Amino acid sequence: MPKEGRPRHGSMAYWHRKRADSEVPHFTSWPDIPEGPKLQGFAGYKAGMTHAFIVDYRPTSTTTGQEVQVPVTVIECPPMRIAAIRFYTRTYEGLRSLGEVWADKTDEAAIREQARKIAATSGELAVRRARVAQEVRAVLTPEQIEKFRALQERRDRRIDGMKKRGQEGQPKGE
């Protein structure tokens, strides 16, 4: 029988199409550096994209020496401090941890500053949520308000039930 004539649906370049298991990347190998140990990775996340004008340096390009526009990715990297160093050895089964050394001093002032920032942000978030809830309630009909209250009561009962179940599993001395 002849083949049914129709184009395929979608590109094979991105096969197999699947959602990632996690948003956090997992690196399974690192390059060997002959100069000795050094920082090979850091935490950052994609904040957006923009464009930049650069001078094209590629000798075989048709725009060599000209200013061209290229897309660039903006990566947000929070400030970091080294908390520990872990040492690995190569075995026939792969890398194995030899041990780790944790920093003796922690910057308590930096920890307190971060806690203050989080508290201020969560307070502002609570104010915004209350404001949005008030704006939503202003446009609801009486029937919708009644249904909304019933849903809130149901949610509160479920949360109380979860708390009771959690307390039942704890020893009596606590």
C-alpha atoms as a PDB file:
ATOM      1  CA  MET A   1       0.000   0.000   0.000  1.00  0.00           C
ATOM      2  CA  PRO A   2       1.260   3.484  -0.715  1.00  0.00           C
ATOM      3  CA  LYS A   3       2.368   5.776   2.089  1.00  0.00           C
ATOM      4  CA  GLU A   4      -0.188   8.321   3.181  1.00  0.00           C
ATOM      5  CA  GLY A   5       1.032  11.695   1.970  1.00  0.00           C
ATOM      6  CA  ARG A   6       1.109  14.178   4.787  1.00  0.00           C
ATOM      7  CA  PRO A   7       3.842  16.135   6.507  1.00  0.00           C
ATOM      8  CA  ARG A   8       4.910  15.132   9.985  1.00  0.00           C
ATOM      9  CA  HIS A   9       3.640  17.154  12.946  1.00  0.00           C
ATOM     10  CA  GLY A  10       6.420  18.922  14.798  1.00  0.00           C
ATOM     11  CA  SER A  11      10.160  18.990  14.573  1.00  0.00           C
ATOM     12  CA  MET A  12      12.351  15.993  15.319  1.00  0.00           C
ATOM     13  CA  ALA A  13      15.008  18.430  16.556  1.00  0.00           C
ATOM     14  CA  TYR A  14      13.341  18.620  19.950  1.00  0.00           C
ATOM     15  CA  TRP A  15      12.332  14.975  20.223  1.00  0.00           C
ATOM     16  CA  HIS A  16      11.323  13.592  22.648  1.00  0.00           C
ATOM     17  CA  ARG A  17       9.077  16.344  23.941  1.00  0.00           C
ATOM     18  CA  LYS A  18       8.871  16.011  27.696  1.00  0.00           C
ATOM     19  CA  ARG A  19       8.583  18.314  30.674  1.00  0.00           C
ATOM     20  CA  ALA A  20      11.707  18.489  32.792  1.00  0.00           C
ATOM     21  CA  ASP A  21      11.708  16.505  36.041  1.00  0.00           C
ATOM     22  CA  SER A  22      13.005  19.523  37.950  1.00  0.00           C
ATOM     23  CA  GLU A  23      13.679  23.201  37.332  1.00  0.00           C
ATOM     24  CA  VAL A  24      16.977  22.808  39.181  1.00  0.00           C
ATOM     25  CA  PRO A  25      19.756  21.568  36.900  1.00  0.00           C
ATOM     26  CA  HIS A  26      21.811  18.565  38.023  1.00  0.00           C
ATOM     27  CA  PHE A  27      25.407  18.400  36.820  1.00  0.00           C
ATOM     28  CA  THR A  28      26.882  14.932  36.662  1.00  0.00           C
ATOM     29  CA  SER A  29      30.382  15.815  35.510  1.00  0.00           C
ATOM     30  CA  TRP A  30      32.848  18.653  35.868  1.00  0.00           C
ATOM     31  CA  PRO A  31      35.878  19.468  33.731  1.00  0.00           C
ATOM     32  CA  ASP A  32      39.322  18.380  34.924  1.00  0.00           C
ATOM     33  CA  ILE A  33      41.409  21.498  35.535  1.00  0.00           C
ATOM     34  CA  PRO A  34      45.194  21.002  35.540  1.00  0.00           C
ATOM     35  CA  GLU A  35      45.808  24.237  37.531  1.00  0.00           C
ATOM     36  CA  GLY A  36      44.152  22.755  40.633  1.00  0.00           C
ATOM     37  CA  PRO A  37      40.833  23.146  42.411  1.00  0.00           C
ATOM     38  CA  LYS A  38      38.736  26.224  41.780  1.00  0.00           C
ATOM     39  CA  LEU A  39      35.084  27.268  41.790  1.00  0.00           C
ATOM     40  CA  GLN A  40      33.396  25.587  38.837  1.00  0.00           C
ATOM     41  CA  GLY A  41      29.758  26.520  39.325  1.00  0.00           C
ATOM     42  CA  PHE A  42      27.443  28.958  41.058  1.00  0.00           C
ATOM     43  CA  ALA A  43      23.735  29.523  41.555  1.00  0.00           C
ATOM     44  CA  GLY A  44      21.857  31.825  39.210  1.00  0.00           C
ATOM     45  CA  TYR A  45      18.539  32.022  37.438  1.00  0.00           C
ATOM     46  CA  LYS A  46      17.351  33.486  34.166  1.00  0.00           C
ATOM     47  CA  ALA A  47      15.871  36.929  34.790  1.00  0.00           C
ATOM     48  CA  GLY A  48      15.114  37.781  31.166  1.00  0.00           C
ATOM     49  CA  MET A  49      16.574  38.621  27.791  1.00  0.00           C
ATOM     50  CA  THR A  50      17.581  41.785  25.970  1.00  0.00           C
ATOM     51  CA  HIS A  51      19.873  42.720  23.098  1.00  0.00           C
ATOM     52  CA  ALA A  52      23.363  44.169  22.889  1.00  0.00           C
ATOM     53  CA  PHE A  53      25.307  45.898  20.157  1.00  0.00           C
ATOM     54  CA  ILE A  54      28.768  44.386  19.664  1.00  0.00           C
ATOM     55  CA  VAL A  55      31.498  44.585  17.060  1.00  0.00           C
ATOM     56  CA  ASP A  56      31.599  41.336  15.075  1.00  0.00           C
ATOM     57  CA  TYR A  57      35.071  39.818  15.524  1.00  0.00           C
ATOM     58  CA  ARG A  58      34.643  36.668  13.389  1.00  0.00           C
ATOM     59  CA  PRO A  59      37.043  36.893  10.424  1.00  0.00           C
ATOM     60  CA  THR A  60      34.874  34.920   7.964  1.00  0.00           C
ATOM     61  CA  SER A  61      31.608  36.710   8.759  1.00  0.00           C
ATOM     62  CA  THR A  62      30.038  39.068   6.237  1.00  0.00           C
ATOM     63  CA  THR A  63      29.712  41.667   9.018  1.00  0.00           C
ATOM     64  CA  THR A  64      33.346  41.521  10.211  1.00  0.00           C
ATOM     65  CA  GLY A  65      34.321  44.741  11.967  1.00  0.00           C
ATOM     66  CA  GLN A  66      30.742  46.080  11.939  1.00  0.00           C
ATOM     67  CA  GLU A  67      28.482  46.718  14.903  1.00  0.00           C
ATOM     68  CA  VAL A  68      25.757  44.054  15.049  1.00  0.00           C
ATOM     69  CA  GLN A  69      22.827  43.410  17.376  1.00  0.00           C
ATOM     70  CA  VAL A  70      22.817  40.080  19.248  1.00  0.00           C
ATOM     71  CA  PRO A  71      20.404  38.597  21.806  1.00  0.00           C
ATOM     72  CA  VAL A  72      21.753  38.260  25.356  1.00  0.00           C
ATOM     73  CA  THR A  73      20.408  36.480  28.433  1.00  0.00           C
ATOM     74  CA  VAL A  74      20.296  38.255  31.791  1.00  0.00           C
ATOM     75  CA  ILE A  75      21.192  35.920  34.678  1.00  0.00           C
ATOM     76  CA  GLU A  76      20.445  37.011  38.250  1.00  0.00           C
ATOM     77  CA  CYS A  77      23.061  35.711  40.677  1.00  0.00           C
ATOM     78  CA  PRO A  78      22.436  36.244  44.396  1.00  0.00           C
ATOM     79  CA  PRO A  79      25.441  37.048  46.601  1.00  0.00           C
ATOM     80  CA  MET A  80      27.046  33.888  47.952  1.00  0.00           C
ATOM     81  CA  ARG A  81      29.523  32.943  50.643  1.00  0.00           C
ATOM     82  CA  ILE A  82      31.401  29.669  50.785  1.00  0.00           C
ATOM     83  CA  ALA A  83      29.997  27.576  53.636  1.00  0.00           C
ATOM     84  CA  ALA A  84      31.906  24.338  53.050  1.00  0.00           C
ATOM     85  CA  ILE A  85      34.319  22.522  50.773  1.00  0.00           C
ATOM     86  CA  ARG A  86      33.781  18.872  49.855  1.00  0.00           C
ATOM     87  CA  PHE A  87      36.563  16.609  48.593  1.00  0.00           C
ATOM     88  CA  TYR A  88      36.018  13.757  46.121  1.00  0.00           C
ATOM     89  CA  THR A  89      38.093  10.851  44.864  1.00  0.00           C
ATOM     90  CA  ARG A  90      37.691   8.892  41.660  1.00  0.00           C
ATOM     91  CA  THR A  91      36.785   5.231  42.042  1.00  0.00           C
ATOM     92  CA  TYR A  92      35.813   2.628  39.479  1.00  0.00           C
ATOM     93  CA  GLU A  93      32.173   3.280  40.482  1.00  0.00           C
ATOM     94  CA  GLY A  94      32.479   7.040  39.952  1.00  0.00           C
ATOM     95  CA  LEU A  95      33.169   9.936  42.303  1.00  0.00           C
ATOM     96  CA  ARG A  96      33.107   9.209  46.048  1.00  0.00           C
ATOM     97  CA  SER A  97      33.108  11.822  48.798  1.00  0.00           C
ATOM     98  CA  LEU A  98      36.258  11.830  50.932  1.00  0.00           C
ATOM     99  CA  GLY A  99      35.046  14.422  53.396  1.00  0.00           C
ATOM    100  CA  GLU A 100      34.130  18.046  53.836  1.00  0.00           C
ATOM    101  CA  VAL A 101      35.283  21.077  55.781  1.00  0.00           C
ATOM    102  CA  TRP A 102      32.716  23.616  57.016  1.00  0.00           C
ATOM    103  CA  ALA A 103      33.468  27.268  57.678  1.00  0.00           C
ATOM    104  CA  ASP A 104      34.143  28.107  61.347  1.00  0.00           C
ATOM    105  CA  LYS A 105      32.570  31.546  61.337  1.00  0.00           C
ATOM    106  CA  THR A 106      29.144  32.444  60.029  1.00  0.00           C
ATOM    107  CA  ASP A 107      28.168  36.005  59.264  1.00  0.00           C
ATOM    108  CA  GLU A 108      25.364  36.496  61.795  1.00  0.00           C
ATOM    109  CA  ALA A 109      24.771  40.091  60.683  1.00  0.00           C
ATOM    110  CA  ALA A 110      24.123  38.932  57.109  1.00  0.00           C
ATOM    111  CA  ILE A 111      21.727  36.257  58.373  1.00  0.00           C
ATOM    112  CA  ARG A 112      19.802  38.814  60.443  1.00  0.00           C
ATOM    113  CA  GLU A 113      19.653  41.219  57.474  1.00  0.00           C
ATOM    114  CA  GLN A 114      18.225  38.498  55.229  1.00  0.00           C
ATOM    115  CA  ALA A 115      15.672  37.598  57.929  1.00  0.00           C
ATOM    116  CA  ARG A 116      14.611  41.271  58.117  1.00  0.00           C
ATOM    117  CA  LYS A 117      14.213  41.430  54.343  1.00  0.00           C
ATOM    118  CA  ILE A 118      12.096  38.268  54.322  1.00  0.00           C
ATOM    119  CA  ALA A 119       9.910  39.551  57.166  1.00  0.00           C
ATOM    120  CA  ALA A 120       9.360  42.897  55.415  1.00  0.00           C
ATOM    121  CA  THR A 121       8.521  41.167  52.146  1.00  0.00           C
ATOM    122  CA  SER A 122       6.066  38.741  53.750  1.00  0.00           C
ATOM    123  CA  GLY A 123       4.373  41.641  55.592  1.00  0.00           C
ATOM    124  CA  GLU A 124       3.999  43.572  52.343  1.00  0.00           C
ATOM    125  CA  LEU A 125       2.653  40.425  50.674  1.00  0.00           C
ATOM    126  CA  ALA A 126      -0.011  40.023  53.381  1.00  0.00           C
ATOM    127  CA  VAL A 127      -1.106  43.654  52.878  1.00  0.00           C
ATOM    128  CA  ARG A 128      -1.347  43.161  49.099  1.00  0.00           C
ATOM    129  CA  ARG A 129      -3.339  39.937  49.492  1.00  0.00           C
ATOM    130  CA  ALA A 130      -5.798  41.676  51.823  1.00  0.00           C
ATOM    131  CA  ARG A 131      -6.155  44.580  49.372  1.00  0.00           C
ATOM    132  CA  VAL A 132      -6.813  42.242  46.429  1.00  0.00           C
ATOM    133  CA  ALA A 133      -9.321  40.215  48.473  1.00  0.00           C
ATOM    134  CA  GLN A 134     -11.165  43.422  49.361  1.00  0.00           C
ATOM    135  CA  GLU A 135     -11.263  44.500  45.700  1.00  0.00           C
ATOM    136  CA  VAL A 136     -12.594  41.095  44.648  1.00  0.00           C
ATOM    137  CA  ARG A 137     -15.288  41.076  47.327  1.00  0.00           C
ATOM    138  CA  ALA A 138     -16.456  44.502  46.164  1.00  0.00           C
ATOM    139  CA  VAL A 139     -17.573  43.088  42.800  1.00  0.00           C
ATOM    140  CA  LEU A 140     -19.136  39.825  44.051  1.00  0.00           C
ATOM    141  CA  THR A 141     -22.879  39.259  44.207  1.00  0.00           C
ATOM    142  CA  PRO A 142     -24.471  38.221  47.543  1.00  0.00           C
ATOM    143  CA  GLU A 143     -24.736  34.616  46.311  1.00  0.00           C
ATOM    144  CA  GLN A 144     -21.059  34.566  45.364  1.00  0.00           C
ATOM    145  CA  ILE A 145     -20.082  36.031  48.759  1.00  0.00           C
ATOM    146  CA  GLU A 146     -22.100  33.300  50.494  1.00  0.00           C
ATOM    147  CA  LYS A 147     -20.406  30.622  48.395  1.00  0.00           C
ATOM    148  CA  PHE A 148     -16.997  32.203  49.073  1.00  0.00           C
ATOM    149  CA  ARG A 149     -17.590  32.066  52.862  1.00  0.00           C
ATOM    150  CA  ALA A 150     -18.685  28.421  52.613  1.00  0.00           C
ATOM    151  CA  LEU A 151     -15.485  27.567  50.743  1.00  0.00           C
ATOM    152  CA  GLN A 152     -13.398  29.406  53.370  1.00  0.00           C
ATOM    153  CA  GLU A 153     -15.110  27.474  56.191  1.00  0.00           C
ATOM    154  CA  ARG A 154     -14.512  24.199  54.355  1.00  0.00           C
ATOM    155  CA  ARG A 155     -10.843  25.078  53.873  1.00  0.00           C
ATOM    156  CA  ASP A 156     -10.471  26.006  57.567  1.00  0.00           C
ATOM    157  CA  ARG A 157     -12.055  22.692  58.642  1.00  0.00           C
ATOM    158  CA  ARG A 158      -9.668  20.761  56.414  1.00  0.00           C
ATOM    159  CA  ILE A 159      -6.650  22.641  57.793  1.00  0.00           C
ATOM    160  CA  ASP A 160      -7.810  22.024  61.377  1.00  0.00           C
ATOM    161  CA  GLY A 161      -8.251  18.335  60.562  1.00  0.00           C
ATOM    162  CA  MET A 162      -4.715  18.153  59.174  1.00  0.00           C
ATOM    163  CA  LYS A 163      -3.346  19.846  62.297  1.00  0.00           C
ATOM    164  CA  LYS A 164      -5.198  17.370  64.546  1.00  0.00           C
ATOM    165  CA  ARG A 165      -3.879  14.411  62.563  1.00  0.00           C
ATOM    166  CA  GLY A 166      -0.371  15.820  62.830  1.00  0.00           C
ATOM    167  CA  GLN A 167      -0.663  16.210  66.607  1.00  0.00           C
ATOM    168  CA  GLU A 168      -1.976  12.671  67.034  1.00  0.00           C
ATOM    169  CA  GLY A 169       1.249  11.270  65.610  1.00  0.00           C
ATOM    170  CA  GLN A 170       3.438  13.096  68.161  1.00  0.00           C
ATOM    171  CA  PRO A 171       4.444  11.558  71.529  1.00  0.00           C
ATOM    172  CA  LYS A 172       2.382  12.669  74.541  1.00  0.00           C
ATOM    173  CA  GLY A 173       5.350  14.295  76.341  1.00  0.00           C
ATOM    174  CA  GLU A 174       5.572  17.158  73.853  1.00  0.00           C
END
